[in-house]
Amino acid sequence: MLDATSSYNPMDRRITVDDRTGQRIVPETARRSENRYGNRPTMKDVAARAGVGLKTVSRVVNGESGVTPDTERRVQEAIEALGFRRNDSARVLRKGRTASVGLVLEDLADPFYGPLSRAVEEVARAHGALLINGSSAEDPDREQELVLALCARRVDGLVVIPAGDDHRYLEPEIKAGVATVFVDRPAGRIDADVVLSDSFGGARDGIAHLIAHGHRRIGFIGDMPRIHTAAERLRGYRAAMEDAGIPVEESWISLGVTDPERVRRAAEEMLSGTTPVTAIFAGNNRVTVTVVRVLAEHDRPVALVGFDDFELADLLDPGVTVIAQDAAALGRTAAERLFRQLDGSLITPERIELPTRLIARGSGELAPAD
């Protein structure tokens, strides 16, 4: 018989029973459950679909001998059709196991992710779940490898800060019951829950603040353009400049890796020449820190607004004006939504956007030097 975790409707009359083996056989055309956050398929489901015994499926999954090529083909086709993933942590599946949640970050070393990760963990603990962290290092292939490894270990849910822009590889896992929420950036090419900060609005507010203090030549240094947050913040920059009727010179814009050497080079180029910028908007905390170092070596005051707050920003002279995100709120909101998926109270994915706030500390209020 199919076990209680089967994703098939037991009332589907197209499921038949083999008189010889007593196994339930599901034709290729049998429908799967439409529940977006349904149950994962098991090896029993695979056995039923392929019309073989459970031991045969186990042999195929574990790469053991003793299976004919035709039988192996049928089992592999059933695995593919069901989206079955081998359980690498089967020992924890017994009754009373601890629920677990995977958190895939862009960079564990980035201070921005500290409060976000802690908030996710606090919500997970409140629900009696264990949190497992991993870092994609902004590599889409590594992200996919890590996510699928977590799924193979039977995590109940995933909170993902995506590095890639195509997440169709996750569709079988979501259909199989892995609750999934994306944070900071939306998923690519699938419909999924996402919790974001208002990057566009925050950047627009930061640039408008500089314009209000007399600046017209404003540089923008951001992250790689393929990253959603970088693109949205650049869009906010352009919108604020357009609203003020200020033409933008492309030499005022620099997008790329946040490596200090690249950022330093971009800042120095903007600050040189006959018409240097009088203000810089830094697209994230890592960019801001490098720009602060460059400006400390500069012989004239240059205004600065950074996206993301960072430690000691208020102790510098002048203090650094920032557009602050609430990283803890991002993590908490995402985790709470994840557990609402798991308890069955959420069906339709939503996009949730949290506001940012401008913290004026002095650097963004400097008047143009010329």
Protein backbone atom coordinates (compact mmCIF):
# COMPACT_ATOMS: atom_id res chain seq x y z
CA MET A 1 0.00 0.00 0.00
CA LEU A 2 0.96 3.61 -0.41
CA ASP A 3 2.00 5.13 2.91
CA ALA A 4 0.43 8.15 4.61
CA THR A 5 2.85 10.55 3.00
CA SER A 6 1.85 9.64 -0.55
CA SER A 7 1.08 12.58 -2.80
CA TYR A 8 -1.60 10.62 -4.65
CA ASN A 9 -5.34 10.77 -4.17
CA PRO A 10 -6.35 7.33 -2.82
CA MET A 11 -9.77 7.77 -4.44
CA ASP A 12 -8.25 8.01 -7.95
CA ARG A 13 -9.82 4.99 -9.72
CA ARG A 14 -6.95 4.83 -12.17
CA ILE A 15 -4.74 3.41 -9.40
CA THR A 16 -4.90 -0.39 -9.73
CA VAL A 17 -3.60 -3.34 -7.74
CA ASP A 18 -1.33 -6.02 -9.16
CA ASP A 19 -3.04 -9.34 -8.31
CA ARG A 20 0.30 -11.14 -8.22
CA THR A 21 2.30 -8.78 -6.02
CA GLY A 22 -0.45 -6.87 -4.23
CA GLN A 23 1.28 -3.58 -5.09
CA ARG A 24 -0.64 -0.49 -6.11
CA ILE A 25 0.25 0.67 -9.63
CA VAL A 26 -0.11 4.31 -10.67
CA PRO A 27 -0.29 4.92 -14.44
CA GLU A 28 1.81 7.69 -16.00
CA THR A 29 -1.34 9.77 -16.44
CA ALA A 30 -2.35 9.67 -12.77
CA ARG A 31 -2.65 13.15 -11.34
CA ARG A 32 -0.51 14.35 -8.47
CA SER A 33 -1.86 16.44 -5.62
CA GLU A 34 -2.37 20.10 -6.50
CA ASN A 35 -1.36 21.16 -2.98
CA ARG A 36 1.55 23.55 -3.52
CA TYR A 37 3.05 22.64 -0.18
CA GLY A 38 2.08 18.97 -0.28
CA ASN A 39 3.88 15.87 0.96
CA ARG A 40 7.19 14.62 -0.37
CA PRO A 41 7.11 11.47 -2.50
CA THR A 42 8.64 8.46 -0.77
CA MET A 43 10.37 5.34 -2.06
CA LYS A 44 7.04 3.56 -1.63
CA ASP A 45 5.51 6.04 -4.05
CA VAL A 46 8.32 5.36 -6.52
CA ALA A 47 7.85 1.61 -6.13
CA ALA A 48 4.12 1.91 -6.72
CA ARG A 49 4.55 4.05 -9.82
CA ALA A 50 7.24 1.80 -11.31
CA GLY A 51 5.40 -1.41 -10.37
CA VAL A 52 8.36 -2.86 -8.48
CA GLY A 53 9.21 -3.77 -4.93
CA LEU A 54 10.57 -1.33 -2.34
CA LYS A 55 13.90 -3.18 -2.20
CA THR A 56 14.33 -2.71 -5.95
CA VAL A 57 13.87 1.05 -5.61
CA SER A 58 16.37 1.07 -2.74
CA ARG A 59 18.93 -0.71 -4.92
CA VAL A 60 18.49 1.76 -7.77
CA VAL A 61 18.64 4.80 -5.49
CA ASN A 62 21.77 3.54 -3.76
CA GLY A 63 23.49 2.38 -6.96
CA GLU A 64 23.50 -1.30 -6.00
CA SER A 65 23.66 -4.21 -8.44
CA GLY A 66 20.99 -6.83 -9.07
CA VAL A 67 18.54 -4.74 -11.10
CA THR A 68 17.88 -5.30 -14.81
CA PRO A 69 18.36 -2.33 -17.16
CA ASP A 70 14.64 -2.24 -18.02
CA THR A 71 13.63 -2.21 -14.35
CA GLU A 72 16.21 0.46 -13.53
CA ARG A 73 14.86 2.58 -16.38
CA ARG A 74 11.29 2.30 -15.03
CA VAL A 75 12.43 3.24 -11.55
CA GLN A 76 14.43 6.23 -12.80
CA GLU A 77 11.45 7.43 -14.84
CA ALA A 78 9.27 7.20 -11.73
CA ILE A 79 11.85 9.10 -9.68
CA GLU A 80 11.96 11.84 -12.30
CA ALA A 81 8.18 12.04 -12.65
CA LEU A 82 7.61 12.27 -8.91
CA GLY A 83 10.51 14.59 -8.14
CA PHE A 84 11.76 12.08 -5.54
CA ARG A 85 14.97 12.94 -3.67
CA ARG A 86 16.95 10.40 -1.69
CA ASN A 87 16.73 10.96 2.05
CA ASP A 88 20.29 11.34 3.32
CA SER A 89 19.08 11.70 6.90
CA ALA A 90 16.56 8.88 7.12
CA ARG A 91 17.42 8.21 10.74
CA VAL A 92 15.70 11.44 11.76
CA LEU A 93 12.44 10.60 10.01
CA ARG A 94 11.17 8.42 12.83
CA LYS A 95 8.31 9.72 14.93
CA GLY A 96 9.24 12.71 17.05
CA ARG A 97 12.08 13.91 14.83
CA THR A 98 13.24 17.52 15.08
CA ALA A 99 12.00 19.76 12.29
CA SER A 100 14.73 21.58 10.39
CA VAL A 101 14.98 24.70 8.25
CA GLY A 102 17.73 25.58 5.79
CA LEU A 103 18.96 29.17 5.41
CA VAL A 104 21.01 29.90 2.29
CA LEU A 105 22.83 33.23 2.54
CA GLU A 106 24.91 35.14 0.02
CA ASP A 107 27.90 35.61 2.38
CA LEU A 108 28.06 34.48 6.01
CA ALA A 109 30.77 37.07 6.65
CA ASP A 110 28.61 40.03 5.60
CA PRO A 111 27.44 41.89 8.76
CA PHE A 112 24.06 42.55 7.10
CA TYR A 113 23.20 38.87 7.36
CA GLY A 114 23.97 38.55 11.08
CA PRO A 115 20.68 39.99 12.41
CA LEU A 116 18.76 38.40 9.52
CA SER A 117 20.11 34.95 10.35
CA ARG A 118 19.54 35.44 14.06
CA ALA A 119 15.90 36.45 13.46
CA VAL A 120 15.27 33.35 11.34
CA GLU A 121 16.84 31.20 14.04
CA GLU A 122 14.70 32.74 16.78
CA VAL A 123 11.50 32.03 14.85
CA ALA A 124 12.69 28.50 14.08
CA ARG A 125 13.46 27.84 17.75
CA ALA A 126 10.05 29.13 18.77
CA HIS A 127 8.60 26.45 16.48
CA GLY A 128 10.92 23.75 17.81
CA ALA A 129 12.97 23.63 14.62
CA LEU A 130 16.70 23.47 13.98
CA LEU A 131 18.32 26.01 11.63
CA ILE A 132 21.06 24.97 9.18
CA ASN A 133 23.07 27.80 7.55
CA GLY A 134 25.01 27.77 4.30
CA SER A 135 26.61 30.33 1.99
CA SER A 136 26.31 30.51 -1.80
CA ALA A 137 29.20 32.99 -2.12
CA GLU A 138 27.12 34.73 -4.82
CA ASP A 139 27.56 31.66 -7.07
CA PRO A 140 24.34 30.36 -8.70
CA ASP A 141 25.75 26.85 -9.14
CA ARG A 142 26.83 26.69 -5.53
CA GLU A 143 23.40 27.96 -4.46
CA GLN A 144 21.66 25.17 -6.37
CA GLU A 145 24.06 22.54 -5.04
CA LEU A 146 23.54 23.72 -1.46
CA VAL A 147 19.75 23.98 -1.74
CA LEU A 148 19.39 20.50 -3.20
CA ALA A 149 21.77 19.08 -0.58
CA LEU A 150 19.54 20.53 2.13
CA CYS A 151 16.48 19.07 0.43
CA ALA A 152 18.17 15.66 0.27
CA ARG A 153 18.61 15.90 4.03
CA ARG A 154 14.88 16.45 4.37
CA VAL A 155 14.71 20.00 5.66
CA ASP A 156 11.12 21.03 6.15
CA GLY A 157 11.62 24.51 4.73
CA LEU A 158 14.06 26.86 3.07
CA VAL A 159 14.79 30.56 3.43
CA VAL A 160 16.91 31.56 0.43
CA ILE A 161 18.78 34.72 -0.47
CA PRO A 162 19.23 33.85 -4.14
CA ALA A 163 22.43 34.15 -6.10
CA GLY A 164 20.97 32.90 -9.39
CA ASP A 165 18.09 34.06 -11.56
CA ASP A 166 16.56 30.69 -12.51
CA HIS A 167 15.01 28.67 -9.71
CA ARG A 168 13.02 26.15 -11.72
CA TYR A 169 15.24 23.47 -10.19
CA LEU A 170 13.28 24.04 -6.95
CA GLU A 171 9.84 23.38 -8.42
CA PRO A 172 9.87 19.61 -7.69
CA GLU A 173 10.96 20.29 -4.10
CA ILE A 174 8.23 22.90 -3.53
CA LYS A 175 5.60 20.60 -5.03
CA ALA A 176 6.93 17.82 -2.82
CA GLY A 177 6.31 19.88 0.30
CA VAL A 178 9.44 21.93 1.00
CA ALA A 179 8.14 25.30 2.20
CA THR A 180 10.25 28.03 0.55
CA VAL A 181 10.60 31.78 1.04
CA PHE A 182 13.07 34.04 -0.75
CA VAL A 183 14.57 37.06 1.01
CA ASP A 184 16.23 40.29 -0.18
CA ARG A 185 15.86 39.25 -3.83
CA PRO A 186 13.02 37.52 -5.67
CA ALA A 187 13.16 34.05 -7.13
CA GLY A 188 13.83 33.70 -10.85
CA ARG A 189 11.34 32.06 -13.23
CA ILE A 190 9.14 30.55 -10.51
CA ASP A 191 6.28 31.92 -8.44
CA ALA A 192 7.37 31.97 -4.79
CA ASP A 193 7.05 33.97 -1.60
CA VAL A 194 9.57 36.80 -1.28
CA VAL A 195 10.33 39.37 1.43
CA LEU A 196 12.24 42.46 0.26
CA SER A 197 13.38 45.86 1.39
CA ASP A 198 12.29 48.82 -0.71
CA SER A 199 15.61 49.21 -2.53
CA PHE A 200 14.16 51.48 -5.20
CA GLY A 201 12.44 53.80 -2.75
CA GLY A 202 15.39 53.86 -0.36
CA ALA A 203 17.88 54.82 -3.06
CA ARG A 204 15.53 57.44 -4.44
CA ASP A 205 15.19 58.97 -0.96
CA GLY A 206 18.97 58.98 -0.47
CA ILE A 207 19.63 60.75 -3.77
CA ALA A 208 16.79 63.22 -3.14
CA HIS A 209 18.43 63.99 0.22
CA LEU A 210 21.73 64.84 -1.48
CA ILE A 211 19.96 66.95 -4.09
CA ALA A 212 18.15 68.85 -1.30
CA HIS A 213 21.57 69.73 0.11
CA GLY A 214 22.68 71.32 -3.15
CA HIS A 215 24.34 68.46 -5.02
CA ARG A 216 23.94 68.01 -8.77
CA ARG A 217 26.98 65.85 -9.64
CA ILE A 218 26.26 62.67 -7.71
CA GLY A 219 28.12 59.42 -8.24
CA PHE A 220 26.57 55.98 -7.81
CA ILE A 221 28.77 52.97 -6.95
CA GLY A 222 26.86 49.70 -6.75
CA ASP A 223 27.07 45.92 -6.86
CA MET A 224 26.88 43.72 -9.96
CA PRO A 225 24.00 44.79 -12.25
CA ARG A 226 22.49 41.29 -12.46
CA ILE A 227 21.71 41.44 -8.72
CA HIS A 228 18.15 42.56 -8.08
CA THR A 229 18.99 44.95 -5.24
CA ALA A 230 21.76 46.64 -7.23
CA ALA A 231 19.48 47.13 -10.22
CA GLU A 232 16.66 48.51 -8.06
CA ARG A 233 18.96 50.96 -6.28
CA LEU A 234 20.33 52.20 -9.58
CA ARG A 235 16.76 52.63 -10.79
CA GLY A 236 16.03 54.71 -7.68
CA TYR A 237 19.10 56.85 -8.35
CA ARG A 238 18.03 57.55 -11.93
CA ALA A 239 14.45 58.28 -10.86
CA ALA A 240 15.52 60.85 -8.26
CA MET A 241 17.86 62.57 -10.71
CA GLU A 242 15.13 62.64 -13.35
CA ASP A 243 12.59 64.01 -10.85
CA ALA A 244 15.02 66.88 -10.14
CA GLY A 245 15.67 67.50 -13.84
CA ILE A 246 19.37 66.62 -13.51
CA PRO A 247 20.98 64.89 -16.53
CA VAL A 248 23.09 61.87 -15.55
CA GLU A 249 26.55 61.36 -17.00
CA GLU A 250 27.37 57.68 -17.37
CA SER A 251 30.82 58.32 -15.90
CA TRP A 252 29.02 58.97 -12.60
CA ILE A 253 27.80 55.35 -12.47
CA SER A 254 29.92 52.30 -11.65
CA LEU A 255 28.54 48.79 -11.11
CA GLY A 256 30.58 45.66 -10.44
CA VAL A 257 31.99 43.43 -7.74
CA THR A 258 32.31 44.95 -4.29
CA ASP A 259 36.01 44.17 -4.13
CA PRO A 260 37.77 47.13 -2.41
CA GLU A 261 40.18 47.65 -5.30
CA ARG A 262 37.36 47.96 -7.83
CA VAL A 263 35.36 50.30 -5.60
CA ARG A 264 38.42 52.43 -4.81
CA ARG A 265 39.24 52.80 -8.47
CA ALA A 266 35.66 53.80 -9.29
CA ALA A 267 35.53 56.38 -6.50
CA GLU A 268 38.87 57.93 -7.41
CA GLU A 269 37.83 58.26 -11.05
CA MET A 270 34.61 60.01 -10.06
CA LEU A 271 36.51 62.39 -7.79
CA SER A 272 39.06 63.37 -10.43
CA GLY A 273 38.88 65.42 -13.64
CA THR A 274 37.59 68.90 -14.35
CA THR A 275 34.03 68.21 -13.15
CA PRO A 276 34.30 65.71 -10.31
CA VAL A 277 31.26 64.54 -8.39
CA THR A 278 30.48 66.40 -5.18
CA ALA A 279 28.62 63.49 -3.59
CA ILE A 280 28.62 59.68 -3.76
CA PHE A 281 25.81 57.23 -3.13
CA ALA A 282 27.21 53.83 -2.10
CA GLY A 283 25.02 50.87 -3.03
CA ASN A 284 25.70 48.64 0.00
CA ASN A 285 27.66 48.53 3.25
CA ARG A 286 30.80 47.00 1.74
CA VAL A 287 30.96 49.70 -0.90
CA THR A 288 30.36 52.38 1.74
CA VAL A 289 33.28 51.23 3.92
CA THR A 290 35.70 51.44 0.99
CA VAL A 291 34.36 54.86 -0.07
CA VAL A 292 34.83 56.14 3.51
CA ARG A 293 38.51 55.16 3.29
CA VAL A 294 38.90 56.91 -0.07
CA LEU A 295 37.25 60.10 1.18
CA ALA A 296 39.49 60.13 4.27
CA GLU A 297 42.43 60.56 1.89
CA HIS A 298 40.69 63.20 -0.20
CA ASP A 299 41.60 66.88 0.15
CA ARG A 300 38.09 68.33 -0.14
CA PRO A 301 34.79 67.42 1.53
CA VAL A 302 32.55 65.10 -0.46
CA ALA A 303 29.06 64.16 0.69
CA LEU A 304 28.26 60.48 1.17
CA VAL A 305 25.08 58.46 1.64
CA GLY A 306 25.31 54.67 1.93
CA PHE A 307 22.68 51.98 1.52
CA ASP A 308 22.75 49.71 4.64
CA ASP A 309 23.85 50.77 8.07
CA PHE A 310 27.10 49.41 9.46
CA GLU A 311 28.93 49.20 12.75
CA LEU A 312 30.66 52.42 13.95
CA ALA A 313 29.04 54.50 11.18
CA ASP A 314 27.82 56.90 13.86
CA LEU A 315 31.30 57.29 15.42
CA LEU A 316 33.12 58.50 12.30
CA ASP A 317 33.67 62.22 11.72
CA PRO A 318 31.35 63.09 10.18
CA GLY A 319 29.00 60.24 10.94
CA VAL A 320 27.85 58.37 7.85
CA THR A 321 24.34 59.09 6.61
CA VAL A 322 22.69 55.83 5.55
CA ILE A 323 19.54 54.31 4.14
CA ALA A 324 18.91 51.64 6.76
CA GLN A 325 17.21 48.33 6.14
CA ASP A 326 15.75 46.30 8.99
CA ALA A 327 17.60 43.05 8.42
CA ALA A 328 16.05 41.44 11.48
CA ALA A 329 12.55 42.27 10.23
CA LEU A 330 13.40 40.72 6.86
CA GLY A 331 14.50 37.48 8.51
CA ARG A 332 11.63 37.40 10.99
CA THR A 333 8.98 38.10 8.35
CA ALA A 334 10.39 35.45 6.03
CA ALA A 335 10.62 32.82 8.77
CA GLU A 336 7.12 33.52 10.06
CA ARG A 337 5.77 33.17 6.53
CA LEU A 338 7.71 29.92 6.13
CA PHE A 339 6.06 28.37 9.17
CA ARG A 340 2.66 29.58 8.02
CA GLN A 341 3.31 27.61 4.83
CA LEU A 342 4.23 24.58 6.90
CA ASP A 343 1.07 24.72 8.99
CA GLY A 344 -1.02 24.95 5.83
CA SER A 345 -2.39 28.46 6.31
CA LEU A 346 -0.74 29.90 3.19
CA ILE A 347 -1.45 28.84 -0.38
CA THR A 348 -0.79 31.78 -2.71
CA PRO A 349 2.77 33.18 -2.88
CA GLU A 350 3.11 36.89 -2.12
CA ARG A 351 5.67 39.67 -2.48
CA ILE A 352 6.20 41.58 0.77
CA GLU A 353 8.22 44.82 0.66
CA LEU A 354 9.48 46.41 3.89
CA PRO A 355 10.26 50.14 4.12
CA THR A 356 13.72 51.62 4.62
CA ARG A 357 14.59 54.76 6.60
CA LEU A 358 17.13 57.53 6.16
CA ILE A 359 19.44 58.16 9.13
CA ALA A 360 21.14 61.56 8.81
CA ARG A 361 24.49 61.69 10.63
CA GLY A 362 26.45 64.38 8.84
CA SER A 363 28.15 62.95 5.76
CA GLY A 364 25.03 63.27 3.64
CA GLU A 365 24.40 66.82 4.75
CA LEU A 366 27.70 68.31 3.57
CA ALA A 367 27.24 71.12 1.04
CA PRO A 368 29.07 70.99 -2.33
CA ALA A 369 32.60 72.34 -2.14
CA ASP A 370 32.18 74.28 -5.40
